[in-house]
C-alpha atoms as a PDB file:
ATOM      1  CA  UNK A   1     -25.699 -18.221 -14.060  1.00  0.00           C
ATOM      2  CA  UNK A   2     -25.972 -18.053 -10.145  1.00  0.00           C
ATOM      3  CA  UNK A   3     -22.785 -19.676  -9.007  1.00  0.00           C
ATOM      4  CA  UNK A   4     -24.196 -20.194  -5.571  1.00  0.00           C
ATOM      5  CA  UNK A   5     -21.253 -18.589  -3.890  1.00  0.00           C
ATOM      6  CA  UNK A   6     -23.000 -15.408  -2.024  1.00  0.00           C
ATOM      7  CA  UNK A   7     -21.575 -15.645   1.713  1.00  0.00           C
ATOM      8  CA  UNK A   8     -19.511 -18.627   1.075  1.00  0.00           C
ATOM      9  CA  UNK A   9     -15.785 -18.385   2.943  1.00  0.00           C
ATOM     10  CA  UNK A  10     -13.101 -18.765   0.650  1.00  0.00           C
ATOM     11  CA  UNK A  11      -9.393 -18.537   0.905  1.00  0.00           C
ATOM     12  CA  UNK A  12      -7.091 -17.388  -1.735  1.00  0.00           C
ATOM     13  CA  UNK A  13      -3.527 -18.088  -1.017  1.00  0.00           C
ATOM     14  CA  UNK A  14      -0.797 -15.794  -2.497  1.00  0.00           C
ATOM     15  CA  UNK A  15      -3.666 -13.188  -3.412  1.00  0.00           C
ATOM     16  CA  UNK A  16      -1.543  -9.822  -3.035  1.00  0.00           C
ATOM     17  CA  UNK A  17      -1.144  -9.500  -6.585  1.00  0.00           C
ATOM     18  CA  UNK A  18      -1.394 -11.269 -10.068  1.00  0.00           C
ATOM     19  CA  UNK A  19      -3.372 -14.793 -10.366  1.00  0.00           C
ATOM     20  CA  UNK A  20      -4.351 -14.915  -6.735  1.00  0.00           C
ATOM     21  CA  UNK A  21      -5.547 -11.438  -6.635  1.00  0.00           C
ATOM     22  CA  UNK A  22      -7.406 -12.145 -10.053  1.00  0.00           C
ATOM     23  CA  UNK A  23      -9.224 -15.417  -8.587  1.00  0.00           C
ATOM     24  CA  UNK A  24     -10.032 -13.282  -5.331  1.00  0.00           C
ATOM     25  CA  UNK A  25     -11.460 -10.638  -7.496  1.00  0.00           C
ATOM     26  CA  UNK A  26     -13.951 -13.110  -9.074  1.00  0.00           C
ATOM     27  CA  UNK A  27     -14.847 -14.664  -6.100  1.00  0.00           C
ATOM     28  CA  UNK A  28     -15.765 -11.288  -4.308  1.00  0.00           C
ATOM     29  CA  UNK A  29     -17.677 -10.209  -7.800  1.00  0.00           C
ATOM     30  CA  UNK A  30     -19.983 -13.373  -7.166  1.00  0.00           C
ATOM     31  CA  UNK A  31     -20.643 -12.434  -3.368  1.00  0.00           C
ATOM     32  CA  UNK A  32     -18.198 -14.627  -1.627  1.00  0.00           C
ATOM     33  CA  UNK A  33     -16.621 -13.748   1.844  1.00  0.00           C
ATOM     34  CA  UNK A  34     -12.897 -13.790   0.962  1.00  0.00           C
ATOM     35  CA  UNK A  35      -9.608 -13.977   3.029  1.00  0.00           C
ATOM     36  CA  UNK A  36      -6.379 -12.755   1.041  1.00  0.00           C
ATOM     37  CA  UNK A  37      -3.105 -14.395   2.253  1.00  0.00           C
ATOM     38  CA  UNK A  38       0.465 -13.152   1.430  1.00  0.00           C
ATOM     39  CA  UNK A  39       3.365 -11.966   3.063  1.00  0.00           C
ATOM     40  CA  UNK A  40       3.150  -8.087   2.441  1.00  0.00           C
ATOM     41  CA  UNK A  41       0.647  -6.371   4.740  1.00  0.00           C
ATOM     42  CA  UNK A  42       0.901  -3.267   2.328  1.00  0.00           C
ATOM     43  CA  UNK A  43       0.301  -5.160  -0.717  1.00  0.00           C
ATOM     44  CA  UNK A  44      -2.607  -7.075   0.915  1.00  0.00           C
ATOM     45  CA  UNK A  45      -4.053  -3.743   1.828  1.00  0.00           C
ATOM     46  CA  UNK A  46      -4.024  -2.698  -1.707  1.00  0.00           C
ATOM     47  CA  UNK A  47      -5.209  -5.580  -2.865  1.00  0.00           C
ATOM     48  CA  UNK A  48      -8.497  -5.355  -0.688  1.00  0.00           C
ATOM     49  CA  UNK A  49      -8.629  -1.995  -1.453  1.00  0.00           C
ATOM     50  CA  UNK A  50      -8.843  -2.265  -5.136  1.00  0.00           C
ATOM     51  CA  UNK A  51     -11.227  -5.485  -5.067  1.00  0.00           C
ATOM     52  CA  UNK A  52     -13.669  -3.558  -2.852  1.00  0.00           C
ATOM     53  CA  UNK A  53     -13.731  -0.438  -5.315  1.00  0.00           C
ATOM     54  CA  UNK A  54     -14.055  -3.031  -8.347  1.00  0.00           C
ATOM     55  CA  UNK A  55     -16.598  -5.519  -6.954  1.00  0.00           C
ATOM     56  CA  UNK A  56     -18.618  -3.588  -3.892  1.00  0.00           C
ATOM     57  CA  UNK A  57     -17.263  -6.557  -1.894  1.00  0.00           C
ATOM     58  CA  UNK A  58     -14.138  -6.088   0.553  1.00  0.00           C
ATOM     59  CA  UNK A  59     -12.067  -8.965   1.192  1.00  0.00           C
ATOM     60  CA  UNK A  60     -10.229  -9.344   4.822  1.00  0.00           C
ATOM     61  CA  UNK A  61      -6.413 -10.497   4.792  1.00  0.00           C
ATOM     62  CA  UNK A  62      -4.036 -12.477   6.915  1.00  0.00           C
ATOM     63  CA  UNK A  63      -0.441 -11.706   6.486  1.00  0.00           C
ATOM     64  CA  UNK A  64       2.092 -14.912   6.317  1.00  0.00           C
ATOM     65  CA  UNK A  65       4.092 -17.318   4.524  1.00  0.00           C
ATOM     66  CA  UNK A  66       3.213 -20.114   2.792  1.00  0.00           C
ATOM     67  CA  UNK A  67       6.124 -22.176   3.960  1.00  0.00           C
ATOM     68  CA  UNK A  68       5.134 -21.501   7.773  1.00  0.00           C
ATOM     69  CA  UNK A  69       2.434 -24.198   9.181  1.00  0.00           C
ATOM     70  CA  UNK A  70       1.257 -22.078  11.693  1.00  0.00           C
ATOM     71  CA  UNK A  71       0.577 -19.236   9.201  1.00  0.00           C
ATOM     72  CA  UNK A  72      -1.189 -21.270   6.726  1.00  0.00           C
ATOM     73  CA  UNK A  73      -3.175 -23.215   9.273  1.00  0.00           C
ATOM     74  CA  UNK A  74      -3.999 -19.790  11.112  1.00  0.00           C
ATOM     75  CA  UNK A  75      -5.175 -18.217   7.792  1.00  0.00           C
ATOM     76  CA  UNK A  76      -7.502 -21.151   6.973  1.00  0.00           C
ATOM     77  CA  UNK A  77      -8.809 -21.515  10.656  1.00  0.00           C
ATOM     78  CA  UNK A  78      -9.356 -17.551  10.861  1.00  0.00           C
ATOM     79  CA  UNK A  79     -11.227 -17.492   7.529  1.00  0.00           C
ATOM     80  CA  UNK A  80     -13.652 -20.194   9.000  1.00  0.00           C
ATOM     81  CA  UNK A  81     -14.376 -18.427  12.289  1.00  0.00           C
ATOM     82  CA  UNK A  82     -15.027 -15.066  10.914  1.00  0.00           C
ATOM     83  CA  UNK A  83     -17.009 -16.207   7.921  1.00  0.00           C
ATOM     84  CA  UNK A  84     -19.027 -18.974   9.878  1.00  0.00           C
ATOM     85  CA  UNK A  85     -17.942 -21.365   6.960  1.00  0.00           C
ATOM     86  CA  UNK A  86     -15.359 -22.455   4.762  1.00  0.00           C
ATOM     87  CA  UNK A  87     -16.376 -23.477   1.371  1.00  0.00           C
ATOM     88  CA  UNK A  88     -13.376 -23.033  -1.121  1.00  0.00           C
ATOM     89  CA  UNK A  89      -9.794 -22.947  -1.069  1.00  0.00           C
ATOM     90  CA  UNK A  90      -7.641 -21.768  -3.940  1.00  0.00           C
ATOM     91  CA  UNK A  91      -3.979 -22.901  -3.243  1.00  0.00           C
ATOM     92  CA  UNK A  92      -1.438 -20.489  -4.994  1.00  0.00           C
ATOM     93  CA  UNK A  93       2.052 -19.737  -4.411  1.00  0.00           C
ATOM     94  CA  UNK A  94       5.319 -18.103  -6.604  1.00  0.00           C
ATOM     95  CA  UNK A  95       7.414 -20.061  -8.297  1.00  0.00           C
ATOM     96  CA  UNK A  96      10.613 -21.644  -6.875  1.00  0.00           C
ATOM     97  CA  UNK A  97      13.940 -20.652  -8.637  1.00  0.00           C
ATOM     98  CA  UNK A  98      14.860 -20.874 -12.109  1.00  0.00           C
ATOM     99  CA  UNK A  99      17.511 -23.147 -13.414  1.00  0.00           C
ATOM    100  CA  UNK A 100      19.028 -26.494 -14.417  1.00  0.00           C
ATOM    101  CA  UNK A 101      19.455 -29.992 -12.900  1.00  0.00           C
ATOM    102  CA  UNK A 102      23.078 -28.971 -11.818  1.00  0.00           C
ATOM    103  CA  UNK A 103      22.629 -25.930 -10.385  1.00  0.00           C
ATOM    104  CA  UNK A 104      20.550 -27.245  -7.230  1.00  0.00           C
ATOM    105  CA  UNK A 105      21.879 -28.399  -3.827  1.00  0.00           C
ATOM    106  CA  UNK A 106      19.693 -30.271  -1.348  1.00  0.00           C
ATOM    107  CA  UNK A 107      18.968 -27.154   0.252  1.00  0.00           C
ATOM    108  CA  UNK A 108      17.384 -25.783  -2.710  1.00  0.00           C
ATOM    109  CA  UNK A 109      15.444 -28.781  -3.537  1.00  0.00           C
ATOM    110  CA  UNK A 110      13.972 -28.820   0.202  1.00  0.00           C
ATOM    111  CA  UNK A 111      12.709 -25.206  -0.129  1.00  0.00           C
ATOM    112  CA  UNK A 112      11.186 -25.581  -3.667  1.00  0.00           C
ATOM    113  CA  UNK A 113       9.101 -28.546  -1.944  1.00  0.00           C
ATOM    114  CA  UNK A 114       7.981 -26.729   0.984  1.00  0.00           C
ATOM    115  CA  UNK A 115       7.026 -23.653  -1.183  1.00  0.00           C
ATOM    116  CA  UNK A 116       5.202 -25.663  -3.912  1.00  0.00           C
ATOM    117  CA  UNK A 117       4.029 -28.799  -2.314  1.00  0.00           C
ATOM    118  CA  UNK A 118       3.952 -28.551   1.784  1.00  0.00           C
ATOM    119  CA  UNK A 119       2.346 -25.333   1.927  1.00  0.00           C
ATOM    120  CA  UNK A 120      -0.506 -26.640  -0.189  1.00  0.00           C
ATOM    121  CA  UNK A 121      -0.502 -29.482   1.840  1.00  0.00           C
ATOM    122  CA  UNK A 122      -1.053 -27.759   5.056  1.00  0.00           C
ATOM    123  CA  UNK A 123      -3.592 -25.555   3.888  1.00  0.00           C
ATOM    124  CA  UNK A 124      -5.788 -28.829   2.517  1.00  0.00           C
ATOM    125  CA  UNK A 125      -5.445 -30.420   5.692  1.00  0.00           C
ATOM    126  CA  UNK A 126      -6.498 -27.186   7.761  1.00  0.00           C
ATOM    127  CA  UNK A 127      -9.589 -26.833   5.439  1.00  0.00           C
ATOM    128  CA  UNK A 128     -10.676 -30.307   5.427  1.00  0.00           C
ATOM    129  CA  UNK A 129     -12.608 -30.314   8.806  1.00  0.00           C
ATOM    130  CA  UNK A 130     -14.532 -27.030   8.216  1.00  0.00           C
ATOM    131  CA  UNK A 131     -15.540 -28.203   4.711  1.00  0.00           C
ATOM    132  CA  UNK A 132     -16.633 -31.757   6.033  1.00  0.00           C
ATOM    133  CA  UNK A 133     -18.489 -29.899   8.901  1.00  0.00           C
ATOM    134  CA  UNK A 134     -20.107 -27.636   6.437  1.00  0.00           C
ATOM    135  CA  UNK A 135     -21.231 -30.379   4.397  1.00  0.00           C
ATOM    136  CA  UNK A 136     -18.759 -30.129   1.124  1.00  0.00           C
ATOM    137  CA  UNK A 137     -16.430 -27.763  -0.748  1.00  0.00           C
ATOM    138  CA  UNK A 138     -14.108 -27.001  -3.202  1.00  0.00           C
ATOM    139  CA  UNK A 139     -10.533 -27.165  -3.509  1.00  0.00           C
ATOM    140  CA  UNK A 140      -8.368 -25.813  -6.490  1.00  0.00           C
ATOM    141  CA  UNK A 141      -4.636 -26.227  -6.606  1.00  0.00           C
ATOM    142  CA  UNK A 142      -2.415 -24.089  -9.249  1.00  0.00           C
ATOM    143  CA  UNK A 143       0.280 -25.417 -11.088  1.00  0.00           C
ATOM    144  CA  UNK A 144       1.421 -24.815 -14.329  1.00  0.00           C
ATOM    145  CA  UNK A 145       1.337 -25.766 -18.088  1.00  0.00           C
ATOM    146  CA  UNK A 146       4.517 -27.737 -17.357  1.00  0.00           C
ATOM    147  CA  UNK A 147       2.469 -30.335 -15.884  1.00  0.00           C
ATOM    148  CA  UNK A 148       1.425 -31.275 -19.402  1.00  0.00           C
ATOM    149  CA  UNK A 149       4.928 -30.054 -20.934  1.00  0.00           C
ATOM    150  CA  UNK A 150       8.093 -29.226 -18.915  1.00  0.00           C
ATOM    151  CA  UNK A 151       9.588 -25.978 -19.659  1.00  0.00           C
ATOM    152  CA  UNK A 152      13.041 -25.774 -20.195  1.00  0.00           C
ATOM    153  CA  UNK A 153      14.890 -24.130 -17.205  1.00  0.00           C
ATOM    154  CA  UNK A 154      12.074 -24.375 -14.716  1.00  0.00           C
ATOM    155  CA  UNK A 155      13.483 -27.944 -13.343  1.00  0.00           C
ATOM    156  CA  UNK A 156      12.011 -27.209  -9.945  1.00  0.00           C
ATOM    157  CA  UNK A 157       8.759 -25.988 -11.022  1.00  0.00           C
ATOM    158  CA  UNK A 158       8.238 -29.220 -13.439  1.00  0.00           C
ATOM    159  CA  UNK A 159       8.963 -31.819 -10.744  1.00  0.00           C
ATOM    160  CA  UNK A 160       6.492 -30.335  -7.966  1.00  0.00           C
ATOM    161  CA  UNK A 161       3.836 -29.106 -10.002  1.00  0.00           C
ATOM    162  CA  UNK A 162       3.559 -32.307 -11.537  1.00  0.00           C
ATOM    163  CA  UNK A 163       3.082 -34.070  -8.311  1.00  0.00           C
ATOM    164  CA  UNK A 164       0.534 -31.785  -7.246  1.00  0.00           C
ATOM    165  CA  UNK A 165      -1.686 -33.337 -10.136  1.00  0.00           C
ATOM    166  CA  UNK A 166      -1.082 -36.487  -8.457  1.00  0.00           C
ATOM    167  CA  UNK A 167      -2.418 -35.055  -5.157  1.00  0.00           C
ATOM    168  CA  UNK A 168      -5.376 -33.804  -7.048  1.00  0.00           C
ATOM    169  CA  UNK A 169      -6.479 -36.790  -8.413  1.00  0.00           C
ATOM    170  CA  UNK A 170      -5.970 -38.510  -5.107  1.00  0.00           C
ATOM    171  CA  UNK A 171      -8.090 -36.322  -3.293  1.00  0.00           C
ATOM    172  CA  UNK A 172     -10.733 -36.231  -5.645  1.00  0.00           C
ATOM    173  CA  UNK A 173     -11.264 -39.876  -5.054  1.00  0.00           C
ATOM    174  CA  UNK A 174     -10.685 -39.818  -1.272  1.00  0.00           C
ATOM    175  CA  UNK A 175     -13.012 -36.798  -0.809  1.00  0.00           C
ATOM    176  CA  UNK A 176     -15.793 -37.309  -3.399  1.00  0.00           C
ATOM    177  CA  UNK A 177     -17.884 -39.070  -0.690  1.00  0.00           C
ATOM    178  CA  UNK A 178     -17.516 -35.912   1.545  1.00  0.00           C
ATOM    179  CA  UNK A 179     -18.888 -33.830  -1.174  1.00  0.00           C
ATOM    180  CA  UNK A 180     -15.645 -32.314  -1.552  1.00  0.00           C
ATOM    181  CA  UNK A 181     -14.135 -31.543  -5.243  1.00  0.00           C
ATOM    182  CA  UNK A 182     -10.610 -31.112  -5.989  1.00  0.00           C
ATOM    183  CA  UNK A 183      -9.378 -30.311  -9.418  1.00  0.00           C
ATOM    184  CA  UNK A 184      -5.777 -28.958 -10.605  1.00  0.00           C
ATOM    185  CA  UNK A 185      -5.405 -25.856 -12.910  1.00  0.00           C
ATOM    186  CA  UNK A 186      -2.538 -24.695 -14.924  1.00  0.00           C
ATOM    187  CA  UNK A 187      -1.781 -21.198 -15.977  1.00  0.00           C
ATOM    188  CA  UNK A 188       0.100 -20.630 -19.334  1.00  0.00           C
ATOM    189  CA  UNK A 189       1.147 -17.379 -20.347  1.00  0.00           C
ATOM    190  CA  UNK A 190      -1.205 -15.225 -17.666  1.00  0.00           C
ATOM    191  CA  UNK A 191       0.295 -11.614 -17.858  1.00  0.00           C
ATOM    192  CA  UNK A 192       1.693 -11.194 -14.170  1.00  0.00           C
ATOM    193  CA  UNK A 193       4.833 -10.271 -12.593  1.00  0.00           C
ATOM    194  CA  UNK A 194       6.141 -13.517 -12.672  1.00  0.00           C
ATOM    195  CA  UNK A 195       5.666 -14.189 -16.257  1.00  0.00           C
ATOM    196  CA  UNK A 196       7.626 -10.563 -16.683  1.00  0.00           C
ATOM    197  CA  UNK A 197      10.180 -11.805 -14.706  1.00  0.00           C
ATOM    198  CA  UNK A 198      10.532 -14.876 -16.750  1.00  0.00           C
ATOM    199  CA  UNK A 199      10.378 -13.281 -19.869  1.00  0.00           C
ATOM    200  CA  UNK A 200      13.363 -11.179 -18.889  1.00  0.00           C
ATOM    201  CA  UNK A 201      15.621 -13.811 -17.923  1.00  0.00           C
ATOM    202  CA  UNK A 202      14.782 -15.454 -21.320  1.00  0.00           C
ATOM    203  CA  UNK A 203      15.530 -12.483 -23.541  1.00  0.00           C
ATOM    204  CA  UNK A 204      18.915 -12.302 -21.539  1.00  0.00           C
ATOM    205  CA  UNK A 205      19.823 -15.919 -22.468  1.00  0.00           C
ATOM    206  CA  UNK A 206      18.847 -15.205 -25.731  1.00  0.00           C
ATOM    207  CA  UNK A 207      20.284 -11.806 -26.284  1.00  0.00           C
ATOM    208  CA  UNK A 208      17.491 -10.086 -27.401  1.00  0.00           C
ATOM    209  CA  UNK A 209      15.273  -7.470 -25.835  1.00  0.00           C
ATOM    210  CA  UNK A 210      12.305  -7.704 -23.468  1.00  0.00           C
ATOM    211  CA  UNK A 211       9.853  -6.861 -26.309  1.00  0.00           C
ATOM    212  CA  UNK A 212      11.143  -8.822 -28.681  1.00  0.00           C
ATOM    213  CA  UNK A 213      10.800 -12.078 -26.305  1.00  0.00           C
ATOM    214  CA  UNK A 214       7.407 -11.138 -25.485  1.00  0.00           C
ATOM    215  CA  UNK A 215       6.640 -10.652 -29.029  1.00  0.00           C
ATOM    216  CA  UNK A 216       7.844 -14.393 -30.009  1.00  0.00           C
ATOM    217  CA  UNK A 217       6.210 -15.612 -26.751  1.00  0.00           C
ATOM    218  CA  UNK A 218       2.683 -14.124 -27.895  1.00  0.00           C
ATOM    219  CA  UNK A 219       3.218 -15.594 -31.506  1.00  0.00           C
ATOM    220  CA  UNK A 220       3.382 -19.145 -30.075  1.00  0.00           C
ATOM    221  CA  UNK A 221      -0.215 -18.686 -28.426  1.00  0.00           C
ATOM    222  CA  UNK A 222      -3.104 -19.496 -30.902  1.00  0.00           C
ATOM    223  CA  UNK A 223      -4.972 -16.840 -29.312  1.00  0.00           C
ATOM    224  CA  UNK A 224      -2.222 -14.351 -29.885  1.00  0.00           C
ATOM    225  CA  UNK A 225      -1.731 -12.781 -26.437  1.00  0.00           C
ATOM    226  CA  UNK A 226      -1.325 -13.334 -22.794  1.00  0.00           C
ATOM    227  CA  UNK A 227      -4.346 -14.357 -20.573  1.00  0.00           C
ATOM    228  CA  UNK A 228      -5.557 -11.331 -18.152  1.00  0.00           C
ATOM    229  CA  UNK A 229      -5.578 -12.506 -14.239  1.00  0.00           C
ATOM    230  CA  UNK A 230      -9.259 -11.984 -14.755  1.00  0.00           C
ATOM    231  CA  UNK A 231      -9.542 -14.688 -17.335  1.00  0.00           C
ATOM    232  CA  UNK A 232      -8.162 -17.300 -14.876  1.00  0.00           C
ATOM    233  CA  UNK A 233     -10.066 -16.084 -11.974  1.00  0.00           C
ATOM    234  CA  UNK A 234     -13.470 -16.636 -13.885  1.00  0.00           C
ATOM    235  CA  UNK A 235     -12.721 -20.357 -14.590  1.00  0.00           C
ATOM    236  CA  UNK A 236     -11.276 -20.782 -10.975  1.00  0.00           C
ATOM    237  CA  UNK A 237     -14.327 -19.284  -9.840  1.00  0.00           C
ATOM    238  CA  UNK A 238     -16.547 -21.606 -11.469  1.00  0.00           C
ATOM    239  CA  UNK A 239     -14.587 -24.485 -10.338  1.00  0.00           C
ATOM    240  CA  UNK A 240     -14.944 -23.382  -6.741  1.00  0.00           C
ATOM    241  CA  UNK A 241     -18.561 -22.804  -7.093  1.00  0.00           C
ATOM    242  CA  UNK A 242     -21.793 -24.821  -6.085  1.00  0.00           C
ATOM    243  CA  UNK A 243     -22.499 -24.544 -10.070  1.00  0.00           C
ATOM    244  CA  UNK A 244     -19.398 -26.818 -10.361  1.00  0.00           C
ATOM    245  CA  UNK A 245     -21.169 -30.285  -9.104  1.00  0.00           C
ATOM    246  CA  UNK A 246     -19.316 -33.140 -10.904  1.00  0.00           C
ATOM    247  CA  UNK A 247     -16.275 -31.979 -12.463  1.00  0.00           C
ATOM    248  CA  UNK A 248     -13.340 -33.208 -10.022  1.00  0.00           C
ATOM    249  CA  UNK A 249     -10.199 -34.945 -10.319  1.00  0.00           C
ATOM    250  CA  UNK A 250      -9.027 -33.123 -13.447  1.00  0.00           C
ATOM    251  CA  UNK A 251      -6.183 -30.965 -14.557  1.00  0.00           C
ATOM    252  CA  UNK A 252      -7.207 -28.306 -16.539  1.00  0.00           C
ATOM    253  CA  UNK A 253      -4.830 -25.984 -18.596  1.00  0.00           C
ATOM    254  CA  UNK A 254      -5.676 -22.387 -18.881  1.00  0.00           C
ATOM    255  CA  UNK A 255      -3.049 -21.303 -21.569  1.00  0.00           C
ATOM    256  CA  UNK A 256      -5.071 -20.075 -24.760  1.00  0.00           C
ATOM    257  CA  UNK A 257      -4.067 -23.692 -26.609  1.00  0.00           C
ATOM    258  CA  UNK A 258      -0.341 -22.972 -25.970  1.00  0.00           C
ATOM    259  CA  UNK A 259       0.249 -26.413 -25.118  1.00  0.00           C
ATOM    260  CA  UNK A 260      -1.259 -29.624 -26.752  1.00  0.00           C
ATOM    261  CA  UNK A 261      -3.257 -31.619 -24.335  1.00  0.00           C
ATOM    262  CA  UNK A 262      -2.435 -35.272 -24.496  1.00  0.00           C
END
């Protein structure tokens, strides 16, 4: 299937590793012009080299922080200028601190909001003029399976990730007439550094080894294993392609059937 992504401008946030790098790799594999964005220049350069080696299509990158309005807008606008178009935006970020309600003060709540939601809003705001000028586009917001089932100990993520579902559904209706499709995706246990960190925390809380924690977690997944970033990336790439012409306003879990849909 031709996804119609050749020479299409794509911005992938938080893409120096993990899920973001997996998504960027699959867009590059389909011939898209990809802009990486993250805080570490060293890691971005390594990611760009790895993607070029694997796909033959080298991304460019911008160093910045998703909580900085100027950094986010600069990356989006630079991509549109360098590529001559902006077709797709994959909003992605690391998670806020783990913990329970009574552990968090106002400052922590505000920081979590800026990390997990406001950065997405700013990226979308910057992208829309370019997408409308080009006659359409695709926006995919990354969240979590917690949008369907709250995860104990991840209160901040549970709250703000769920809010992004409302954002996606609202934007899908508002932007449909402009040919811009908007979807939300929720990763389950995708094998990334973030999941390794959470497994380590949960193993310590249970008083078991990391290996036993991971084994127990894999046993809870009907497919019996963690997903790879590439598994996640291929689905996002389809959603961000011209081949996806009618799927919008949806919240899709990519979790190996870990969480029951309802």
